[in-house]
């Protein structure tokens, strides 16, 4: 059986990231909507190349099955996305931890944050809370609840 390979994201991964984002189970965002937000393969690729958007991708037989990216400047976890067949296998947790570790070690962030659905029926709601993320009481511009992860004591 072929193993899933996790590696740092490369600028050339951006088109596959855009495609995968539209194929997630919950909160799928098609390429057209991303483009309306100013997120294109070219802009994503440029941010990866500049180091402003560090991330990791998961590949199975060369096909992208998941990824996670963070913002090097702010400490925000920008996106975690998996194809539905790869949910509930620990892959999301692994990708997220790699980006957490990078934002802390390479970019000096203690406190990290992300936007998450406040709907308990959403998979992300319990996923992040189970991993220690806590609500801040704030809502972001997309209507998502902001969660934070403080540095370990």
N, C-alpha and C. Protein backbone atom coordinates (compact mmCIF):
# COMPACT_ATOMS: atom_id res chain seq x y z
N UNK A 1 0.84 -1.18 0.00
CA UNK A 1 0.00 0.00 0.00
C UNK A 1 0.89 1.25 0.00
N UNK A 2 0.50 2.25 -0.77
CA UNK A 2 1.25 3.48 -0.86
C UNK A 2 0.97 4.35 0.36
N UNK A 3 2.03 4.89 0.92
CA UNK A 3 1.91 5.73 2.12
C UNK A 3 1.66 7.18 1.72
N UNK A 4 0.99 7.89 2.60
CA UNK A 4 0.80 9.32 2.42
C UNK A 4 2.11 10.01 2.77
N UNK A 5 2.54 10.90 1.90
CA UNK A 5 3.76 11.67 2.10
C UNK A 5 3.36 13.09 2.51
N UNK A 6 3.94 13.58 3.58
CA UNK A 6 3.71 14.96 4.01
C UNK A 6 5.02 15.71 3.85
N UNK A 7 4.93 16.85 3.16
CA UNK A 7 6.13 17.64 2.91
C UNK A 7 5.78 19.12 2.92
N UNK A 8 6.79 19.98 3.07
CA UNK A 8 6.53 21.41 2.98
C UNK A 8 5.93 21.77 1.62
N UNK A 9 5.03 22.72 1.61
CA UNK A 9 4.39 23.16 0.37
C UNK A 9 5.40 23.89 -0.51
N UNK A 10 5.22 23.73 -1.80
CA UNK A 10 6.03 24.40 -2.81
C UNK A 10 5.13 25.33 -3.62
N UNK A 11 5.68 26.38 -4.22
CA UNK A 11 4.86 27.26 -5.04
C UNK A 11 4.05 26.52 -6.11
N UNK A 12 4.62 25.47 -6.68
CA UNK A 12 3.92 24.70 -7.71
C UNK A 12 2.70 23.95 -7.19
N UNK A 13 2.53 23.86 -5.87
CA UNK A 13 1.38 23.17 -5.28
C UNK A 13 0.10 24.01 -5.31
N UNK A 14 0.23 25.31 -5.54
CA UNK A 14 -0.92 26.21 -5.42
C UNK A 14 -2.12 25.81 -6.28
N UNK A 15 -1.96 25.45 -7.56
CA UNK A 15 -3.15 25.07 -8.34
C UNK A 15 -3.89 23.86 -7.74
N UNK A 16 -3.15 22.88 -7.26
CA UNK A 16 -3.80 21.70 -6.65
C UNK A 16 -4.49 22.09 -5.35
N UNK A 17 -3.93 23.05 -4.62
CA UNK A 17 -4.57 23.53 -3.39
C UNK A 17 -5.91 24.19 -3.71
N UNK A 18 -5.92 25.01 -4.74
CA UNK A 18 -7.15 25.69 -5.16
C UNK A 18 -8.21 24.63 -5.53
N UNK A 19 -7.80 23.63 -6.30
CA UNK A 19 -8.73 22.58 -6.72
C UNK A 19 -9.27 21.81 -5.52
N UNK A 20 -8.40 21.39 -4.63
CA UNK A 20 -8.82 20.61 -3.46
C UNK A 20 -9.77 21.41 -2.57
N UNK A 21 -9.54 22.71 -2.45
CA UNK A 21 -10.38 23.55 -1.57
C UNK A 21 -11.84 23.51 -1.99
N UNK A 22 -12.08 23.32 -3.26
CA UNK A 22 -13.46 23.22 -3.76
C UNK A 22 -14.07 21.84 -3.61
N UNK A 23 -13.29 20.86 -3.14
CA UNK A 23 -13.78 19.48 -3.04
C UNK A 23 -13.86 18.97 -1.61
N UNK A 24 -13.76 19.87 -0.64
CA UNK A 24 -13.87 19.45 0.76
C UNK A 24 -15.32 19.19 1.12
N UNK A 25 -15.55 18.44 2.19
CA UNK A 25 -16.90 18.08 2.60
C UNK A 25 -17.68 19.28 3.13
N UNK A 26 -17.11 19.98 4.06
CA UNK A 26 -17.76 21.16 4.64
C UNK A 26 -16.93 22.38 4.31
N UNK A 27 -17.60 23.47 4.06
CA UNK A 27 -16.93 24.74 3.77
C UNK A 27 -16.09 24.69 2.50
N UNK A 28 -16.59 23.95 1.49
CA UNK A 28 -15.90 23.93 0.20
C UNK A 28 -15.98 25.32 -0.42
N UNK A 29 -14.87 25.76 -0.99
CA UNK A 29 -14.83 27.08 -1.63
C UNK A 29 -14.30 26.87 -3.04
N UNK A 30 -15.16 27.05 -4.05
CA UNK A 30 -14.71 26.84 -5.42
C UNK A 30 -13.73 27.92 -5.89
N UNK A 31 -12.98 27.60 -6.93
CA UNK A 31 -11.95 28.50 -7.45
C UNK A 31 -12.50 29.89 -7.77
N UNK A 32 -13.71 29.96 -8.30
CA UNK A 32 -14.29 31.24 -8.66
C UNK A 32 -14.48 32.13 -7.43
N UNK A 33 -14.95 31.53 -6.36
CA UNK A 33 -15.15 32.31 -5.13
C UNK A 33 -13.81 32.74 -4.52
N UNK A 34 -12.83 31.84 -4.56
CA UNK A 34 -11.51 32.20 -4.07
C UNK A 34 -10.95 33.37 -4.89
N UNK A 35 -11.12 33.31 -6.21
CA UNK A 35 -10.62 34.38 -7.08
C UNK A 35 -11.29 35.71 -6.75
N UNK A 36 -12.58 35.67 -6.44
CA UNK A 36 -13.30 36.90 -6.06
C UNK A 36 -12.73 37.48 -4.77
N UNK A 37 -12.13 36.64 -3.94
CA UNK A 37 -11.49 37.09 -2.70
C UNK A 37 -10.03 37.48 -2.93
N UNK A 38 -9.57 37.38 -4.18
CA UNK A 38 -8.19 37.71 -4.50
C UNK A 38 -7.22 36.56 -4.33
N UNK A 39 -7.75 35.34 -4.16
CA UNK A 39 -6.91 34.16 -3.97
C UNK A 39 -6.91 33.36 -5.26
N UNK A 40 -5.77 33.41 -5.95
CA UNK A 40 -5.61 32.68 -7.21
C UNK A 40 -4.38 31.77 -7.08
N UNK A 41 -4.21 30.90 -8.05
CA UNK A 41 -3.01 30.05 -8.03
C UNK A 41 -1.75 30.91 -8.04
N UNK A 42 -1.80 32.02 -8.78
CA UNK A 42 -0.63 32.89 -8.86
C UNK A 42 -0.36 33.59 -7.52
N UNK A 43 -1.40 34.11 -6.88
CA UNK A 43 -1.18 34.81 -5.61
C UNK A 43 -0.76 33.83 -4.52
N UNK A 44 -1.38 32.66 -4.50
CA UNK A 44 -1.04 31.64 -3.50
C UNK A 44 0.40 31.19 -3.69
N UNK A 45 0.76 30.92 -4.93
CA UNK A 45 2.12 30.49 -5.26
C UNK A 45 3.15 31.54 -4.82
N UNK A 46 2.85 32.80 -5.09
CA UNK A 46 3.77 33.89 -4.71
C UNK A 46 3.94 33.98 -3.20
N UNK A 47 2.86 33.77 -2.45
CA UNK A 47 2.95 33.82 -0.99
C UNK A 47 3.75 32.65 -0.44
N UNK A 48 3.60 31.49 -1.05
CA UNK A 48 4.42 30.34 -0.63
C UNK A 48 5.89 30.64 -0.92
N UNK A 49 6.17 31.14 -2.12
CA UNK A 49 7.55 31.42 -2.53
C UNK A 49 8.21 32.47 -1.63
N UNK A 50 7.43 33.46 -1.20
CA UNK A 50 7.98 34.53 -0.36
C UNK A 50 8.20 34.10 1.09
N UNK A 51 7.62 32.98 1.49
CA UNK A 51 7.71 32.52 2.87
C UNK A 51 6.63 33.10 3.77
N UNK A 52 5.75 33.93 3.22
CA UNK A 52 4.68 34.53 4.01
C UNK A 52 3.56 33.53 4.31
N UNK A 53 3.46 32.45 3.52
CA UNK A 53 2.40 31.47 3.71
C UNK A 53 3.01 30.08 3.82
N UNK A 54 3.62 29.80 4.98
CA UNK A 54 4.19 28.46 5.15
C UNK A 54 3.10 27.41 5.27
N UNK A 55 3.37 26.26 4.70
CA UNK A 55 2.38 25.20 4.78
C UNK A 55 2.98 23.84 4.50
N UNK A 56 2.14 22.85 4.69
CA UNK A 56 2.51 21.46 4.41
C UNK A 56 1.37 20.82 3.62
N UNK A 57 1.76 19.94 2.71
CA UNK A 57 0.79 19.23 1.89
C UNK A 57 0.93 17.73 2.12
N UNK A 58 -0.19 17.03 1.93
CA UNK A 58 -0.21 15.57 2.04
C UNK A 58 -0.50 15.01 0.66
N UNK A 59 0.33 14.07 0.23
CA UNK A 59 0.21 13.49 -1.11
C UNK A 59 0.10 11.98 -1.00
N UNK A 60 -0.75 11.41 -1.83
CA UNK A 60 -0.86 9.96 -1.96
C UNK A 60 -0.67 9.64 -3.43
N UNK A 61 0.39 8.91 -3.73
CA UNK A 61 0.74 8.57 -5.11
C UNK A 61 0.78 9.82 -5.99
N UNK A 62 1.31 10.91 -5.43
CA UNK A 62 1.46 12.14 -6.17
C UNK A 62 0.24 13.04 -6.21
N UNK A 63 -0.91 12.57 -5.71
CA UNK A 63 -2.14 13.37 -5.70
C UNK A 63 -2.30 14.03 -4.33
N UNK A 64 -2.60 15.33 -4.34
CA UNK A 64 -2.81 16.04 -3.09
C UNK A 64 -4.12 15.60 -2.44
N UNK A 65 -4.04 15.24 -1.16
CA UNK A 65 -5.23 14.81 -0.43
C UNK A 65 -5.54 15.72 0.76
N UNK A 66 -4.61 16.64 1.05
CA UNK A 66 -4.83 17.58 2.14
C UNK A 66 -3.71 18.57 2.26
N UNK A 67 -3.97 19.64 3.01
CA UNK A 67 -2.94 20.64 3.26
C UNK A 67 -3.34 21.53 4.41
N UNK A 68 -2.34 22.25 4.94
CA UNK A 68 -2.56 23.26 5.97
C UNK A 68 -1.55 24.38 5.74
N UNK A 69 -2.03 25.64 5.88
CA UNK A 69 -1.18 26.80 5.71
C UNK A 69 -1.40 27.78 6.84
N UNK A 70 -0.36 28.52 7.18
CA UNK A 70 -0.44 29.56 8.19
C UNK A 70 0.14 30.86 7.67
N UNK A 71 -0.13 31.93 8.36
CA UNK A 71 0.37 33.25 8.01
C UNK A 71 1.60 33.54 8.87
N UNK A 72 2.75 33.65 8.23
CA UNK A 72 4.01 33.86 8.95
C UNK A 72 4.03 35.17 9.72
N UNK A 73 3.32 36.18 9.21
CA UNK A 73 3.34 37.49 9.86
C UNK A 73 2.43 37.56 11.09
N UNK A 74 1.25 36.98 11.00
CA UNK A 74 0.25 37.13 12.07
C UNK A 74 0.14 35.96 13.03
N UNK A 75 0.52 34.77 12.58
CA UNK A 75 0.33 33.58 13.40
C UNK A 75 -1.04 32.95 13.22
N UNK A 76 -1.73 33.32 12.17
CA UNK A 76 -3.05 32.74 11.89
C UNK A 76 -2.90 31.43 11.12
N UNK A 77 -3.68 30.44 11.52
CA UNK A 77 -3.84 29.25 10.70
C UNK A 77 -4.87 29.64 9.65
N UNK A 78 -4.43 29.75 8.41
CA UNK A 78 -5.26 30.29 7.34
C UNK A 78 -6.24 29.24 6.82
N UNK A 79 -5.75 28.02 6.63
CA UNK A 79 -6.62 26.98 6.07
C UNK A 79 -6.07 25.60 6.38
N UNK A 80 -7.00 24.70 6.66
CA UNK A 80 -6.73 23.27 6.79
C UNK A 80 -7.79 22.59 5.95
N UNK A 81 -7.39 21.83 4.95
CA UNK A 81 -8.36 21.21 4.05
C UNK A 81 -7.95 19.78 3.73
N UNK A 82 -8.94 18.90 3.73
CA UNK A 82 -8.72 17.49 3.41
C UNK A 82 -9.81 17.03 2.45
N UNK A 83 -9.47 16.10 1.58
CA UNK A 83 -10.50 15.43 0.80
C UNK A 83 -11.31 14.56 1.76
N UNK A 84 -12.61 14.42 1.52
CA UNK A 84 -13.47 13.67 2.45
C UNK A 84 -12.98 12.27 2.80
N UNK A 85 -12.40 11.54 1.85
CA UNK A 85 -11.94 10.18 2.13
C UNK A 85 -10.77 10.12 3.11
N UNK A 86 -10.18 11.27 3.43
CA UNK A 86 -9.01 11.29 4.30
C UNK A 86 -9.29 11.93 5.65
N UNK A 87 -10.56 12.21 5.93
CA UNK A 87 -10.96 12.73 7.24
C UNK A 87 -10.92 11.61 8.27
N UNK A 88 -10.81 12.00 9.53
CA UNK A 88 -10.88 11.06 10.67
C UNK A 88 -9.78 10.00 10.63
N UNK A 89 -8.62 10.35 10.09
CA UNK A 89 -7.48 9.44 10.06
C UNK A 89 -6.26 10.01 10.77
N UNK A 90 -6.42 11.21 11.35
CA UNK A 90 -5.30 11.86 12.01
C UNK A 90 -4.47 12.74 11.07
N UNK A 91 -4.82 12.77 9.80
CA UNK A 91 -4.05 13.54 8.83
C UNK A 91 -4.21 15.04 9.07
N UNK A 92 -5.41 15.50 9.34
CA UNK A 92 -5.64 16.91 9.61
C UNK A 92 -4.85 17.37 10.83
N UNK A 93 -4.87 16.57 11.86
CA UNK A 93 -4.12 16.89 13.09
C UNK A 93 -2.62 16.96 12.80
N UNK A 94 -2.13 16.03 12.00
CA UNK A 94 -0.70 16.02 11.67
C UNK A 94 -0.31 17.25 10.87
N UNK A 95 -1.09 17.58 9.85
CA UNK A 95 -0.80 18.77 9.03
C UNK A 95 -0.86 20.04 9.89
N UNK A 96 -1.89 20.15 10.70
CA UNK A 96 -2.04 21.31 11.58
C UNK A 96 -0.85 21.44 12.51
N UNK A 97 -0.42 20.35 13.11
CA UNK A 97 0.71 20.40 14.05
C UNK A 97 2.00 20.84 13.36
N UNK A 98 2.20 20.41 12.13
CA UNK A 98 3.40 20.82 11.40
C UNK A 98 3.41 22.34 11.19
N UNK A 99 2.25 22.91 10.87
CA UNK A 99 2.19 24.35 10.67
C UNK A 99 2.32 25.09 12.00
N UNK A 100 1.69 24.57 13.04
CA UNK A 100 1.86 25.15 14.39
C UNK A 100 3.33 25.19 14.75
N UNK A 101 4.01 24.06 14.59
CA UNK A 101 5.43 23.98 14.94
C UNK A 101 6.26 24.98 14.14
N UNK A 102 5.95 25.12 12.85
CA UNK A 102 6.70 26.05 12.01
C UNK A 102 6.44 27.50 12.41
N UNK A 103 5.18 27.84 12.65
CA UNK A 103 4.87 29.22 13.05
C UNK A 103 5.54 29.58 14.36
N UNK A 104 5.65 28.62 15.24
CA UNK A 104 6.29 28.90 16.54
C UNK A 104 7.81 28.91 16.42
N UNK A 105 8.40 27.88 15.82
CA UNK A 105 9.85 27.76 15.78
C UNK A 105 10.50 28.71 14.78
N UNK A 106 9.97 28.80 13.59
CA UNK A 106 10.62 29.59 12.54
C UNK A 106 10.17 31.04 12.51
N UNK A 107 8.98 31.31 13.07
CA UNK A 107 8.44 32.67 12.95
C UNK A 107 8.17 33.33 14.31
N UNK A 108 8.45 32.61 15.39
CA UNK A 108 8.40 33.21 16.72
C UNK A 108 7.03 33.46 17.31
N UNK A 109 6.01 32.83 16.80
CA UNK A 109 4.66 33.05 17.34
C UNK A 109 4.40 32.13 18.53
N UNK A 110 3.92 32.71 19.62
CA UNK A 110 3.45 31.92 20.76
C UNK A 110 1.97 31.67 20.59
N UNK A 111 1.21 32.76 20.58
CA UNK A 111 -0.24 32.67 20.41
C UNK A 111 -0.55 32.53 18.92
N UNK A 112 -1.37 31.53 18.61
CA UNK A 112 -1.84 31.32 17.24
C UNK A 112 -3.35 31.48 17.24
N UNK A 113 -3.93 31.77 16.10
CA UNK A 113 -5.38 31.93 16.03
C UNK A 113 -5.90 31.45 14.68
N UNK A 114 -7.21 31.25 14.63
CA UNK A 114 -7.88 30.84 13.40
C UNK A 114 -9.37 31.16 13.49
N UNK A 115 -10.01 31.22 12.34
CA UNK A 115 -11.45 31.38 12.27
C UNK A 115 -12.09 30.02 12.12
N UNK A 116 -13.16 29.78 12.88
CA UNK A 116 -13.82 28.47 12.90
C UNK A 116 -15.33 28.66 13.03
N UNK A 117 -16.07 27.78 12.41
CA UNK A 117 -17.52 27.83 12.53
C UNK A 117 -17.94 27.73 13.99
N UNK A 118 -18.93 28.54 14.36
CA UNK A 118 -19.46 28.46 15.73
C UNK A 118 -20.58 27.43 15.83
N UNK A 119 -20.91 26.78 14.73
CA UNK A 119 -21.98 25.78 14.68
C UNK A 119 -21.44 24.44 15.20
N UNK A 120 -21.96 23.95 16.32
CA UNK A 120 -21.49 22.67 16.86
C UNK A 120 -21.67 21.48 15.90
N UNK A 121 -22.52 21.62 14.89
CA UNK A 121 -22.71 20.54 13.91
C UNK A 121 -21.56 20.49 12.90
N UNK A 122 -20.77 21.54 12.84
CA UNK A 122 -19.64 21.58 11.92
C UNK A 122 -18.51 20.71 12.47
N UNK A 123 -17.85 19.95 11.58
CA UNK A 123 -16.75 19.08 12.01
C UNK A 123 -15.63 19.88 12.67
N UNK A 124 -15.36 21.09 12.16
CA UNK A 124 -14.25 21.88 12.68
C UNK A 124 -14.51 22.37 14.11
N UNK A 125 -15.77 22.55 14.46
CA UNK A 125 -16.11 23.07 15.79
C UNK A 125 -15.45 22.25 16.90
N UNK A 126 -15.71 20.97 16.92
CA UNK A 126 -15.15 20.11 17.97
C UNK A 126 -13.69 19.74 17.71
N UNK A 127 -13.31 19.66 16.44
CA UNK A 127 -11.94 19.28 16.08
C UNK A 127 -10.93 20.20 16.77
N UNK A 128 -11.06 21.49 16.57
CA UNK A 128 -10.09 22.43 17.13
C UNK A 128 -10.18 22.50 18.66
N UNK A 129 -11.37 22.49 19.20
CA UNK A 129 -11.53 22.55 20.65
C UNK A 129 -10.91 21.33 21.32
N UNK A 130 -11.07 20.18 20.71
CA UNK A 130 -10.48 18.95 21.24
C UNK A 130 -8.95 19.06 21.31
N UNK A 131 -8.37 19.85 20.38
CA UNK A 131 -6.92 20.01 20.33
C UNK A 131 -6.41 21.17 21.19
N UNK A 132 -7.31 21.78 21.95
CA UNK A 132 -6.89 22.82 22.89
C UNK A 132 -7.11 24.25 22.44
N UNK A 133 -7.71 24.47 21.28
CA UNK A 133 -8.03 25.82 20.83
C UNK A 133 -9.21 26.34 21.63
N UNK A 134 -9.16 27.61 22.02
CA UNK A 134 -10.20 28.20 22.86
C UNK A 134 -10.81 29.43 22.20
N UNK A 135 -12.12 29.63 22.37
CA UNK A 135 -12.78 30.82 21.81
C UNK A 135 -12.23 32.10 22.43
N UNK A 136 -12.12 33.14 21.60
CA UNK A 136 -11.65 34.44 22.08
C UNK A 136 -12.81 35.38 22.37
N UNK A 137 -14.02 35.00 21.92
CA UNK A 137 -15.18 35.89 22.04
C UNK A 137 -15.31 36.84 20.86
N UNK A 138 -14.41 36.73 19.89
CA UNK A 138 -14.44 37.59 18.72
C UNK A 138 -14.95 36.83 17.50
N UNK A 139 -15.47 37.59 16.54
CA UNK A 139 -15.96 37.04 15.28
C UNK A 139 -15.16 37.72 14.16
N UNK A 140 -14.73 36.95 13.15
CA UNK A 140 -13.96 37.56 12.06
C UNK A 140 -14.88 38.10 10.97
N UNK A 141 -14.30 38.67 9.93
CA UNK A 141 -15.08 39.32 8.87
C UNK A 141 -15.91 38.34 8.06
N UNK A 142 -15.67 37.05 8.19
CA UNK A 142 -16.45 36.03 7.49
C UNK A 142 -17.56 35.46 8.36
N UNK A 143 -17.68 35.96 9.59
CA UNK A 143 -18.69 35.48 10.51
C UNK A 143 -18.26 34.26 11.31
N UNK A 144 -16.99 33.91 11.22
CA UNK A 144 -16.47 32.77 11.97
C UNK A 144 -15.98 33.21 13.34
N UNK A 145 -16.07 32.30 14.28
CA UNK A 145 -15.59 32.54 15.63
C UNK A 145 -14.06 32.44 15.64
N UNK A 146 -13.39 33.35 16.29
CA UNK A 146 -11.94 33.27 16.41
C UNK A 146 -11.57 32.41 17.61
N UNK A 147 -10.69 31.46 17.35
CA UNK A 147 -10.15 30.59 18.39
C UNK A 147 -8.66 30.88 18.50
N UNK A 148 -8.11 30.64 19.68
CA UNK A 148 -6.67 30.83 19.86
C UNK A 148 -6.07 29.61 20.53
N UNK A 149 -4.79 29.43 20.24
CA UNK A 149 -4.01 28.38 20.87
C UNK A 149 -2.82 29.08 21.52
N UNK A 150 -2.77 29.01 22.82
CA UNK A 150 -1.69 29.66 23.56
C UNK A 150 -0.50 28.71 23.66
N UNK A 151 0.69 29.29 23.86
CA UNK A 151 1.87 28.41 23.97
C UNK A 151 1.76 27.50 25.19
N UNK A 152 2.33 26.31 25.09
CA UNK A 152 2.33 25.43 26.25
C UNK A 152 3.13 26.05 27.38
N UNK A 153 2.72 25.75 28.59
CA UNK A 153 3.43 26.31 29.77
C UNK A 153 4.71 25.58 30.03
